[in-house]
PDB file of N, CA and C in Angstrom:
ATOM      1  N   MET A   1       0.853  -1.181   0.000  1.00  0.00           N
ATOM      2  CA  MET A   1       0.000   0.000   0.000  1.00  0.00           C
ATOM      3  C   MET A   1       0.893   1.236   0.000  1.00  0.00           C
ATOM      4  N   SER A   2       0.603   2.134  -0.874  1.00  0.00           N
ATOM      5  CA  SER A   2       1.415   3.347  -0.967  1.00  0.00           C
ATOM      6  C   SER A   2       0.728   4.520  -0.270  1.00  0.00           C
ATOM      7  N   ALA A   3       1.546   5.499   0.060  1.00  0.00           N
ATOM      8  CA  ALA A   3       1.042   6.756   0.613  1.00  0.00           C
ATOM      9  C   ALA A   3       1.075   7.785  -0.508  1.00  0.00           C
ATOM     10  N   GLU A   4       0.066   8.616  -0.566  1.00  0.00           N
ATOM     11  CA  GLU A   4      -0.039   9.608  -1.636  1.00  0.00           C
ATOM     12  C   GLU A   4      -0.017  11.014  -1.048  1.00  0.00           C
ATOM     13  N   PHE A   5       0.732  11.879  -1.716  1.00  0.00           N
ATOM     14  CA  PHE A   5       0.879  13.263  -1.281  1.00  0.00           C
ATOM     15  C   PHE A   5       0.773  14.187  -2.479  1.00  0.00           C
ATOM     16  N   VAL A   6       0.476  15.448  -2.187  1.00  0.00           N
ATOM     17  CA  VAL A   6       0.409  16.475  -3.218  1.00  0.00           C
ATOM     18  C   VAL A   6       1.354  17.601  -2.822  1.00  0.00           C
ATOM     19  N   LEU A   7       2.228  17.978  -3.734  1.00  0.00           N
ATOM     20  CA  LEU A   7       3.100  19.131  -3.542  1.00  0.00           C
ATOM     21  C   LEU A   7       2.428  20.304  -4.225  1.00  0.00           C
ATOM     22  N   SER A   8       2.077  21.307  -3.440  1.00  0.00           N
ATOM     23  CA  SER A   8       1.431  22.511  -3.958  1.00  0.00           C
ATOM     24  C   SER A   8       2.384  23.682  -3.778  1.00  0.00           C
ATOM     25  N   PHE A   9       2.376  24.583  -4.735  1.00  0.00           N
ATOM     26  CA  PHE A   9       3.299  25.703  -4.729  1.00  0.00           C
ATOM     27  C   PHE A   9       2.549  26.991  -4.455  1.00  0.00           C
ATOM     28  N   ASP A  10       3.107  27.819  -3.557  1.00  0.00           N
ATOM     29  CA  ASP A  10       2.488  29.101  -3.239  1.00  0.00           C
ATOM     30  C   ASP A  10       2.413  29.978  -4.482  1.00  0.00           C
ATOM     31  N   ASP A  11       3.418  29.886  -5.314  1.00  0.00           N
ATOM     32  CA  ASP A  11       3.492  30.682  -6.533  1.00  0.00           C
ATOM     33  C   ASP A  11       3.370  29.741  -7.726  1.00  0.00           C
ATOM     34  N   ARG A  12       2.160  29.625  -8.252  1.00  0.00           N
ATOM     35  CA  ARG A  12       1.952  28.726  -9.389  1.00  0.00           C
ATOM     36  C   ARG A  12       2.763  29.144 -10.597  1.00  0.00           C
ATOM     37  N   GLY A  13       3.020  30.432 -10.713  1.00  0.00           N
ATOM     38  CA  GLY A  13       3.851  30.922 -11.811  1.00  0.00           C
ATOM     39  C   GLY A  13       5.267  30.394 -11.716  1.00  0.00           C
ATOM     40  N   TRP A  14       5.780  30.259 -10.473  1.00  0.00           N
ATOM     41  CA  TRP A  14       7.127  29.712 -10.302  1.00  0.00           C
ATOM     42  C   TRP A  14       7.182  28.292 -10.833  1.00  0.00           C
ATOM     43  N   TYR A  15       6.217  27.475 -10.434  1.00  0.00           N
ATOM     44  CA  TYR A  15       6.202  26.074 -10.875  1.00  0.00           C
ATOM     45  C   TYR A  15       6.118  25.994 -12.400  1.00  0.00           C
ATOM     46  N   ALA A  16       5.255  26.776 -12.995  1.00  0.00           N
ATOM     47  CA  ALA A  16       5.112  26.742 -14.454  1.00  0.00           C
ATOM     48  C   ALA A  16       6.403  27.124 -15.156  1.00  0.00           C
ATOM     49  N   SER A  17       7.097  28.105 -14.625  1.00  0.00           N
ATOM     50  CA  SER A  17       8.314  28.573 -15.292  1.00  0.00           C
ATOM     51  C   SER A  17       9.567  27.794 -14.881  1.00  0.00           C
ATOM     52  N   HIS A  18       9.481  26.973 -13.845  1.00  0.00           N
ATOM     53  CA  HIS A  18      10.652  26.226 -13.376  1.00  0.00           C
ATOM     54  C   HIS A  18      10.462  24.711 -13.418  1.00  0.00           C
ATOM     55  N   ARG A  19       9.468  24.255 -14.138  1.00  0.00           N
ATOM     56  CA  ARG A  19       9.209  22.814 -14.210  1.00  0.00           C
ATOM     57  C   ARG A  19      10.411  22.047 -14.770  1.00  0.00           C
ATOM     58  N   ASP A  20      11.074  22.611 -15.790  1.00  0.00           N
ATOM     59  CA  ASP A  20      12.257  21.939 -16.341  1.00  0.00           C
ATOM     60  C   ASP A  20      13.375  21.876 -15.312  1.00  0.00           C
ATOM     61  N   GLY A  21      13.533  22.924 -14.518  1.00  0.00           N
ATOM     62  CA  GLY A  21      14.530  22.916 -13.454  1.00  0.00           C
ATOM     63  C   GLY A  21      14.209  21.875 -12.397  1.00  0.00           C
ATOM     64  N   LEU A  22      12.933  21.722 -12.081  1.00  0.00           N
ATOM     65  CA  LEU A  22      12.511  20.702 -11.128  1.00  0.00           C
ATOM     66  C   LEU A  22      12.816  19.313 -11.678  1.00  0.00           C
ATOM     67  N   LYS A  23      12.554  19.107 -12.950  1.00  0.00           N
ATOM     68  CA  LYS A  23      12.881  17.824 -13.583  1.00  0.00           C
ATOM     69  C   LYS A  23      14.379  17.541 -13.468  1.00  0.00           C
ATOM     70  N   ARG A  24      15.204  18.539 -13.721  1.00  0.00           N
ATOM     71  CA  ARG A  24      16.661  18.355 -13.615  1.00  0.00           C
ATOM     72  C   ARG A  24      17.055  17.994 -12.183  1.00  0.00           C
ATOM     73  N   GLN A  25      16.450  18.657 -11.201  1.00  0.00           N
ATOM     74  CA  GLN A  25      16.761  18.348  -9.802  1.00  0.00           C
ATOM     75  C   GLN A  25      16.388  16.903  -9.466  1.00  0.00           C
ATOM     76  N   ILE A  26      15.256  16.457  -9.967  1.00  0.00           N
ATOM     77  CA  ILE A  26      14.829  15.077  -9.712  1.00  0.00           C
ATOM     78  C   ILE A  26      15.818  14.097 -10.336  1.00  0.00           C
ATOM     79  N   THR A  27      16.218  14.347 -11.562  1.00  0.00           N
ATOM     80  CA  THR A  27      17.122  13.407 -12.246  1.00  0.00           C
ATOM     81  C   THR A  27      18.528  13.407 -11.645  1.00  0.00           C
ATOM     82  N   ARG A  28      18.877  14.417 -10.866  1.00  0.00           N
ATOM     83  CA  ARG A  28      20.182  14.467 -10.199  1.00  0.00           C
ATOM     84  C   ARG A  28      20.197  13.743  -8.859  1.00  0.00           C
ATOM     85  N   LEU A  29      19.038  13.341  -8.365  1.00  0.00           N
ATOM     86  CA  LEU A  29      18.978  12.645  -7.085  1.00  0.00           C
ATOM     87  C   LEU A  29      19.674  11.288  -7.197  1.00  0.00           C
ATOM     88  N   GLU A  30      20.341  10.890  -6.141  1.00  0.00           N
ATOM     89  CA  GLU A  30      21.047   9.604  -6.132  1.00  0.00           C
ATOM     90  C   GLU A  30      20.091   8.441  -6.379  1.00  0.00           C
ATOM     91  N   THR A  31      18.854   8.573  -5.923  1.00  0.00           N
ATOM     92  CA  THR A  31      17.885   7.478  -6.048  1.00  0.00           C
ATOM     93  C   THR A  31      17.090   7.529  -7.347  1.00  0.00           C
ATOM     94  N   PHE A  32      17.356   8.526  -8.201  1.00  0.00           N
ATOM     95  CA  PHE A  32      16.624   8.609  -9.468  1.00  0.00           C
ATOM     96  C   PHE A  32      16.849   7.330 -10.263  1.00  0.00           C
ATOM     97  N   SER A  33      15.761   6.786 -10.787  1.00  0.00           N
ATOM     98  CA  SER A  33      15.832   5.538 -11.534  1.00  0.00           C
ATOM     99  C   SER A  33      15.481   5.719 -13.004  1.00  0.00           C
ATOM    100  N   SER A  34      14.317   6.328 -13.269  1.00  0.00           N
ATOM    101  CA  SER A  34      13.881   6.435 -14.657  1.00  0.00           C
ATOM    102  C   SER A  34      12.756   7.442 -14.820  1.00  0.00           C
ATOM    103  N   CYS A  35      12.543   7.805 -16.075  1.00  0.00           N
ATOM    104  CA  CYS A  35      11.384   8.606 -16.476  1.00  0.00           C
ATOM    105  C   CYS A  35      10.461   7.679 -17.252  1.00  0.00           C
ATOM    106  N   VAL A  36       9.194   7.834 -17.024  1.00  0.00           N
ATOM    107  CA  VAL A  36       8.202   7.122 -17.812  1.00  0.00           C
ATOM    108  C   VAL A  36       7.385   8.205 -18.488  1.00  0.00           C
ATOM    109  N   GLY A  37       7.600   8.385 -19.753  1.00  0.00           N
ATOM    110  CA  GLY A  37       6.995   9.508 -20.443  1.00  0.00           C
ATOM    111  C   GLY A  37       7.683  10.790 -20.019  1.00  0.00           C
ATOM    112  N   ALA A  38       7.013  11.895 -20.226  1.00  0.00           N
ATOM    113  CA  ALA A  38       7.618  13.199 -19.919  1.00  0.00           C
ATOM    114  C   ALA A  38       7.318  13.687 -18.511  1.00  0.00           C
ATOM    115  N   HIS A  39       6.384  13.037 -17.809  1.00  0.00           N
ATOM    116  CA  HIS A  39       5.923  13.601 -16.547  1.00  0.00           C
ATOM    117  C   HIS A  39       5.975  12.660 -15.345  1.00  0.00           C
ATOM    118  N   GLU A  40       6.413  11.432 -15.509  1.00  0.00           N
ATOM    119  CA  GLU A  40       6.517  10.489 -14.397  1.00  0.00           C
ATOM    120  C   GLU A  40       7.986  10.171 -14.139  1.00  0.00           C
ATOM    121  N   PHE A  41       8.403  10.368 -12.880  1.00  0.00           N
ATOM    122  CA  PHE A  41       9.778  10.128 -12.481  1.00  0.00           C
ATOM    123  C   PHE A  41       9.780   9.106 -11.350  1.00  0.00           C
ATOM    124  N   ARG A  42      10.696   8.136 -11.440  1.00  0.00           N
ATOM    125  CA  ARG A  42      10.752   7.068 -10.448  1.00  0.00           C
ATOM    126  C   ARG A  42      12.059   7.118  -9.670  1.00  0.00           C
ATOM    127  N   LEU A  43      11.937   6.853  -8.370  1.00  0.00           N
ATOM    128  CA  LEU A  43      13.079   6.784  -7.482  1.00  0.00           C
ATOM    129  C   LEU A  43      13.139   5.389  -6.876  1.00  0.00           C
ATOM    130  N   VAL A  44      14.367   4.898  -6.677  1.00  0.00           N
ATOM    131  CA  VAL A  44      14.589   3.595  -6.051  1.00  0.00           C
ATOM    132  C   VAL A  44      15.653   3.761  -4.981  1.00  0.00           C
ATOM    133  N   GLY A  45      15.366   3.300  -3.794  1.00  0.00           N
ATOM    134  CA  GLY A  45      16.335   3.384  -2.706  1.00  0.00           C
ATOM    135  C   GLY A  45      17.618   2.633  -3.041  1.00  0.00           C
ATOM    136  N   THR A  46      18.712   3.101  -2.478  1.00  0.00           N
ATOM    137  CA  THR A  46      20.013   2.486  -2.757  1.00  0.00           C
ATOM    138  C   THR A  46      20.313   1.313  -1.820  1.00  0.00           C
ATOM    139  N   GLU A  47      19.467   1.083  -0.837  1.00  0.00           N
ATOM    140  CA  GLU A  47      19.660  -0.018   0.099  1.00  0.00           C
ATOM    141  C   GLU A  47      19.435  -1.361  -0.622  1.00  0.00           C
ATOM    142  N   PRO A  48      20.015  -2.445  -0.084  1.00  0.00           N
ATOM    143  CA  PRO A  48      19.779  -3.773  -0.686  1.00  0.00           C
ATOM    144  C   PRO A  48      18.284  -4.072  -0.753  1.00  0.00           C
ATOM    145  N   ARG A  49      17.887  -4.729  -1.840  1.00  0.00           N
ATOM    146  CA  ARG A  49      16.471  -5.017  -2.083  1.00  0.00           C
ATOM    147  C   ARG A  49      16.262  -6.511  -2.211  1.00  0.00           C
ATOM    148  N   GLY A  50      15.092  -6.928  -1.814  1.00  0.00           N
ATOM    149  CA  GLY A  50      14.712  -8.323  -1.999  1.00  0.00           C
ATOM    150  C   GLY A  50      14.310  -8.577  -3.449  1.00  0.00           C
ATOM    151  N   ALA A  51      14.332  -9.815  -3.844  1.00  0.00           N
ATOM    152  CA  ALA A  51      14.003 -10.180  -5.222  1.00  0.00           C
ATOM    153  C   ALA A  51      12.553  -9.834  -5.570  1.00  0.00           C
ATOM    154  N   ASP A  52      11.692  -9.770  -4.564  1.00  0.00           N
ATOM    155  CA  ASP A  52      10.279  -9.489  -4.803  1.00  0.00           C
ATOM    156  C   ASP A  52       9.922  -8.007  -4.663  1.00  0.00           C
ATOM    157  N   ALA A  53      10.931  -7.144  -4.524  1.00  0.00           N
ATOM    158  CA  ALA A  53      10.687  -5.703  -4.350  1.00  0.00           C
ATOM    159  C   ALA A  53      10.156  -5.083  -5.644  1.00  0.00           C
ATOM    160  N   TRP A  54       9.395  -4.023  -5.489  1.00  0.00           N
ATOM    161  CA  TRP A  54       8.901  -3.279  -6.639  1.00  0.00           C
ATOM    162  C   TRP A  54      10.075  -2.673  -7.387  1.00  0.00           C
ATOM    163  N   CYS A  55       9.851  -2.265  -8.610  1.00  0.00           N
ATOM    164  CA  CYS A  55      10.927  -1.665  -9.410  1.00  0.00           C
ATOM    165  C   CYS A  55      11.106  -0.181  -9.089  1.00  0.00           C
ATOM    166  N   TYR A  56      10.321   0.357  -8.169  1.00  0.00           N
ATOM    167  CA  TYR A  56      10.465   1.742  -7.714  1.00  0.00           C
ATOM    168  C   TYR A  56       9.964   1.840  -6.279  1.00  0.00           C
ATOM    169  N   ASP A  57      10.414   2.886  -5.591  1.00  0.00           N
ATOM    170  CA  ASP A  57       9.931   3.175  -4.239  1.00  0.00           C
ATOM    171  C   ASP A  57       9.050   4.414  -4.224  1.00  0.00           C
ATOM    172  N   VAL A  58       9.316   5.331  -5.157  1.00  0.00           N
ATOM    173  CA  VAL A  58       8.571   6.588  -5.243  1.00  0.00           C
ATOM    174  C   VAL A  58       8.296   6.892  -6.708  1.00  0.00           C
ATOM    175  N   ARG A  59       7.105   7.412  -6.956  1.00  0.00           N
ATOM    176  CA  ARG A  59       6.795   7.967  -8.270  1.00  0.00           C
ATOM    177  C   ARG A  59       6.352   9.407  -8.073  1.00  0.00           C
ATOM    178  N   LEU A  60       6.921  10.302  -8.878  1.00  0.00           N
ATOM    179  CA  LEU A  60       6.531  11.710  -8.884  1.00  0.00           C
ATOM    180  C   LEU A  60       5.886  12.000 -10.232  1.00  0.00           C
ATOM    181  N   PHE A  61       4.700  12.565 -10.195  1.00  0.00           N
ATOM    182  CA  PHE A  61       3.972  12.920 -11.412  1.00  0.00           C
ATOM    183  C   PHE A  61       3.889  14.439 -11.477  1.00  0.00           C
ATOM    184  N   LEU A  62       4.537  15.023 -12.466  1.00  0.00           N
ATOM    185  CA  LEU A  62       4.512  16.476 -12.632  1.00  0.00           C
ATOM    186  C   LEU A  62       3.259  16.847 -13.416  1.00  0.00           C
ATOM    187  N   GLU A  63       2.243  17.309 -12.690  1.00  0.00           N
ATOM    188  CA  GLU A  63       0.972  17.699 -13.286  1.00  0.00           C
ATOM    189  C   GLU A  63       1.015  19.176 -13.650  1.00  0.00           C
ATOM    190  N   ASP A  64      -0.069  19.695 -14.187  1.00  0.00           N
ATOM    191  CA  ASP A  64      -0.091  21.083 -14.659  1.00  0.00           C
ATOM    192  C   ASP A  64       0.214  22.106 -13.576  1.00  0.00           C
ATOM    193  N   ASP A  65      -0.385  21.954 -12.390  1.00  0.00           N
ATOM    194  CA  ASP A  65      -0.192  22.974 -11.358  1.00  0.00           C
ATOM    195  C   ASP A  65       0.259  22.421 -10.017  1.00  0.00           C
ATOM    196  N   ARG A  66       0.660  21.144  -9.976  1.00  0.00           N
ATOM    197  CA  ARG A  66       1.120  20.521  -8.745  1.00  0.00           C
ATOM    198  C   ARG A  66       1.923  19.272  -9.090  1.00  0.00           C
ATOM    199  N   VAL A  67       2.524  18.704  -8.059  1.00  0.00           N
ATOM    200  CA  VAL A  67       3.234  17.434  -8.212  1.00  0.00           C
ATOM    201  C   VAL A  67       2.525  16.407  -7.344  1.00  0.00           C
ATOM    202  N   PHE A  68       2.165  15.293  -7.932  1.00  0.00           N
ATOM    203  CA  PHE A  68       1.555  14.187  -7.201  1.00  0.00           C
ATOM    204  C   PHE A  68       2.674  13.210  -6.862  1.00  0.00           C
ATOM    205  N   LEU A  69       2.738  12.797  -5.610  1.00  0.00           N
ATOM    206  CA  LEU A  69       3.822  11.959  -5.111  1.00  0.00           C
ATOM    207  C   LEU A  69       3.238  10.681  -4.533  1.00  0.00           C
ATOM    208  N   GLU A  70       3.718   9.539  -4.995  1.00  0.00           N
ATOM    209  CA  GLU A  70       3.281   8.241  -4.498  1.00  0.00           C
ATOM    210  C   GLU A  70       4.496   7.538  -3.895  1.00  0.00           C
ATOM    211  N   ILE A  71       4.429   7.233  -2.607  1.00  0.00           N
ATOM    212  CA  ILE A  71       5.540   6.592  -1.920  1.00  0.00           C
ATOM    213  C   ILE A  71       5.132   5.167  -1.548  1.00  0.00           C
ATOM    214  N   SER A  72       5.835   4.207  -2.132  1.00  0.00           N
ATOM    215  CA  SER A  72       5.580   2.798  -1.821  1.00  0.00           C
ATOM    216  C   SER A  72       6.472   2.306  -0.699  1.00  0.00           C
ATOM    217  N   ALA A  73       7.682   2.845  -0.629  1.00  0.00           N
ATOM    218  CA  ALA A  73       8.636   2.513   0.431  1.00  0.00           C
ATOM    219  C   ALA A  73       9.520   3.724   0.657  1.00  0.00           C
ATOM    220  N   HIS A  74      10.006   3.879   1.879  1.00  0.00           N
ATOM    221  CA  HIS A  74      10.851   5.053   2.142  1.00  0.00           C
ATOM    222  C   HIS A  74      12.054   4.689   2.998  1.00  0.00           C
ATOM    223  N   PRO A  75      12.990   3.939   2.399  1.00  0.00           N
ATOM    224  CA  PRO A  75      14.239   3.704   3.110  1.00  0.00           C
ATOM    225  C   PRO A  75      14.990   5.024   3.292  1.00  0.00           C
ATOM    226  N   ALA A  76      16.056   4.988   4.050  1.00  0.00           N
ATOM    227  CA  ALA A  76      16.797   6.210   4.386  1.00  0.00           C
ATOM    228  C   ALA A  76      17.249   6.984   3.154  1.00  0.00           C
ATOM    229  N   SER A  77      17.674   6.297   2.104  1.00  0.00           N
ATOM    230  CA  SER A  77      18.149   7.004   0.909  1.00  0.00           C
ATOM    231  C   SER A  77      17.021   7.775   0.233  1.00  0.00           C
ATOM    232  N   ILE A  78      15.836   7.239   0.239  1.00  0.00           N
ATOM    233  CA  ILE A  78      14.669   7.922  -0.328  1.00  0.00           C
ATOM    234  C   ILE A  78      14.323   9.138   0.531  1.00  0.00           C
ATOM    235  N   GLU A  79      14.279   8.965   1.838  1.00  0.00           N
ATOM    236  CA  GLU A  79      13.962  10.084   2.725  1.00  0.00           C
ATOM    237  C   GLU A  79      14.967  11.220   2.554  1.00  0.00           C
ATOM    238  N   ALA A  80      16.243  10.870   2.441  1.00  0.00           N
ATOM    239  CA  ALA A  80      17.279  11.894   2.267  1.00  0.00           C
ATOM    240  C   ALA A  80      17.100  12.639   0.949  1.00  0.00           C
ATOM    241  N   ASP A  81      16.814  11.903  -0.123  1.00  0.00           N
ATOM    242  CA  ASP A  81      16.653  12.565  -1.414  1.00  0.00           C
ATOM    243  C   ASP A  81      15.392  13.411  -1.476  1.00  0.00           C
ATOM    244  N   LEU A  82      14.304  12.946  -0.885  1.00  0.00           N
ATOM    245  CA  LEU A  82      13.089  13.766  -0.869  1.00  0.00           C
ATOM    246  C   LEU A  82      13.317  15.023  -0.037  1.00  0.00           C
ATOM    247  N   ALA A  83      13.999  14.901   1.090  1.00  0.00           N
ATOM    248  CA  ALA A  83      14.312  16.077   1.908  1.00  0.00           C
ATOM    249  C   ALA A  83      15.171  17.059   1.113  1.00  0.00           C
ATOM    250  N   GLN A  84      16.123  16.539   0.366  1.00  0.00           N
ATOM    251  CA  GLN A  84      16.974  17.398  -0.472  1.00  0.00           C
ATOM    252  C   GLN A  84      16.143  18.105  -1.545  1.00  0.00           C
ATOM    253  N   LEU A  85      15.271  17.359  -2.221  1.00  0.00           N
ATOM    254  CA  LEU A  85      14.431  17.941  -3.267  1.00  0.00           C
ATOM    255  C   LEU A  85      13.494  19.001  -2.690  1.00  0.00           C
ATOM    256  N   PHE A  86      12.822  18.684  -1.596  1.00  0.00           N
ATOM    257  CA  PHE A  86      11.899  19.641  -0.982  1.00  0.00           C
ATOM    258  C   PHE A  86      12.647  20.866  -0.479  1.00  0.00           C
ATOM    259  N   GLY A  87      13.834  20.665   0.058  1.00  0.00           N
ATOM    260  CA  GLY A  87      14.650  21.791   0.516  1.00  0.00           C
ATOM    261  C   GLY A  87      15.018  22.719  -0.624  1.00  0.00           C
ATOM    262  N   TRP A  88      15.361  22.149  -1.767  1.00  0.00           N
ATOM    263  CA  TRP A  88      15.696  22.968  -2.937  1.00  0.00           C
ATOM    264  C   TRP A  88      14.482  23.796  -3.363  1.00  0.00           C
ATOM    265  N   VAL A  89      13.320  23.154  -3.455  1.00  0.00           N
ATOM    266  CA  VAL A  89      12.118  23.880  -3.864  1.00  0.00           C
ATOM    267  C   VAL A  89      11.826  24.993  -2.869  1.00  0.00           C
ATOM    268  N   ARG A  90      11.900  24.686  -1.584  1.00  0.00           N
ATOM    269  CA  ARG A  90      11.590  25.692  -0.556  1.00  0.00           C
ATOM    270  C   ARG A  90      12.592  26.829  -0.536  1.00  0.00           C
ATOM    271  N   SER A  91      13.791  26.599  -1.065  1.00  0.00           N
ATOM    272  CA  SER A  91      14.760  27.694  -1.162  1.00  0.00           C
ATOM    273  C   SER A  91      14.407  28.639  -2.309  1.00  0.00           C
ATOM    274  N   CYS A  92      13.507  28.185  -3.175  1.00  0.00           N
ATOM    275  CA  CYS A  92      13.088  28.979  -4.336  1.00  0.00           C
ATOM    276  C   CYS A  92      11.704  29.590  -4.168  1.00  0.00           C
ATOM    277  N   THR A  93      10.798  28.847  -3.542  1.00  0.00           N
ATOM    278  CA  THR A  93       9.412  29.299  -3.397  1.00  0.00           C
ATOM    279  C   THR A  93       8.738  28.528  -2.267  1.00  0.00           C
ATOM    280  N   GLY A  94       7.615  29.042  -1.797  1.00  0.00           N
ATOM    281  CA  GLY A  94       6.852  28.337  -0.775  1.00  0.00           C
ATOM    282  C   GLY A  94       6.203  27.092  -1.348  1.00  0.00           C
ATOM    283  N   MET A  95       6.148  26.057  -0.534  1.00  0.00           N
ATOM    284  CA  MET A  95       5.587  24.791  -0.993  1.00  0.00           C
ATOM    285  C   MET A  95       4.983  24.078   0.199  1.00  0.00           C
ATOM    286  N   SER A  96       3.900  23.358  -0.024  1.00  0.00           N
ATOM    287  CA  SER A  96       3.337  22.500   1.018  1.00  0.00           C
ATOM    288  C   SER A  96       3.272  21.075   0.490  1.00  0.00           C
ATOM    289  N   VAL A  97       3.390  20.132   1.411  1.00  0.00           N
ATOM    290  CA  VAL A  97       3.258  18.715   1.078  1.00  0.00           C
ATOM    291  C   VAL A  97       2.120  18.206   1.924  1.00  0.00           C
ATOM    292  N   ASP A  98       1.013  17.893   1.272  1.00  0.00           N
ATOM    293  CA  ASP A  98      -0.192  17.468   1.973  1.00  0.00           C
ATOM    294  C   ASP A  98      -0.553  16.038   1.588  1.00  0.00           C
ATOM    295  N   ASP A  99      -1.207  15.325   2.522  1.00  0.00           N
ATOM    296  CA  ASP A  99      -1.655  13.978   2.204  1.00  0.00           C
ATOM    297  C   ASP A  99      -2.878  14.033   1.303  1.00  0.00           C
ATOM    298  N   GLU A 100      -3.366  12.871   0.919  1.00  0.00           N
ATOM    299  CA  GLU A 100      -4.476  12.816  -0.045  1.00  0.00           C
ATOM    300  C   GLU A 100      -5.757  13.465   0.469  1.00  0.00           C
ATOM    301  N   ASP A 101      -5.852  13.671   1.782  1.00  0.00           N
ATOM    302  CA  ASP A 101      -7.022  14.347   2.360  1.00  0.00           C
ATOM    303  C   ASP A 101      -6.820  15.845   2.518  1.00  0.00           C
ATOM    304  N   GLY A 102      -5.650  16.347   2.107  1.00  0.00           N
ATOM    305  CA  GLY A 102      -5.371  17.766   2.199  1.00  0.00           C
ATOM    306  C   GLY A 102      -4.758  18.210   3.517  1.00  0.00           C
ATOM    307  N   ALA A 103      -4.435  17.235   4.399  1.00  0.00           N
ATOM    308  CA  ALA A 103      -3.818  17.578   5.680  1.00  0.00           C
ATOM    309  C   ALA A 103      -2.302  17.696   5.507  1.00  0.00           C
ATOM    310  N   PRO A 104      -1.675  18.659   6.175  1.00  0.00           N
ATOM    311  CA  PRO A 104      -0.215  18.801   6.087  1.00  0.00           C
ATOM    312  C   PRO A 104       0.477  17.511   6.508  1.00  0.00           C
ATOM    313  N   SER A 105       1.506  17.118   5.765  1.00  0.00           N
ATOM    314  CA  SER A 105       2.157  15.845   6.002  1.00  0.00           C
ATOM    315  C   SER A 105       3.316  15.914   6.978  1.00  0.00           C
ATOM    316  N   GLY A 106       3.877  17.084   7.179  1.00  0.00           N
ATOM    317  CA  GLY A 106       5.053  17.203   8.032  1.00  0.00           C
ATOM    318  C   GLY A 106       6.359  17.077   7.267  1.00  0.00           C
ATOM    319  N   TRP A 107       6.283  16.883   5.969  1.00  0.00           N
ATOM    320  CA  TRP A 107       7.511  16.816   5.143  1.00  0.00           C
ATOM    321  C   TRP A 107       8.065  18.191   4.971  1.00  0.00           C
TER     322      TRP A 107
END
């Protein structure tokens, strides 16, 4: 079972004009695994994995005005990379990470 979150930006204009920069930041993460199409990015933890593990731990979907985040597993490497990514965004603009019910997630 995965956890779902929404990244919302205080300045929608920032997200629209910096989406390519956000994509570059995602692809620079140590846990970056692959792109599926132009808007889905997958992360895989660097920790040892079992043979039955999923092929990704996190999927980020870059939508028109927000980022949808699906977390299937969050080993330490994933948590570190998400913290790094969120920190970069917050250094540029205000951002909230809310769960699927709209409640703040604490990320």
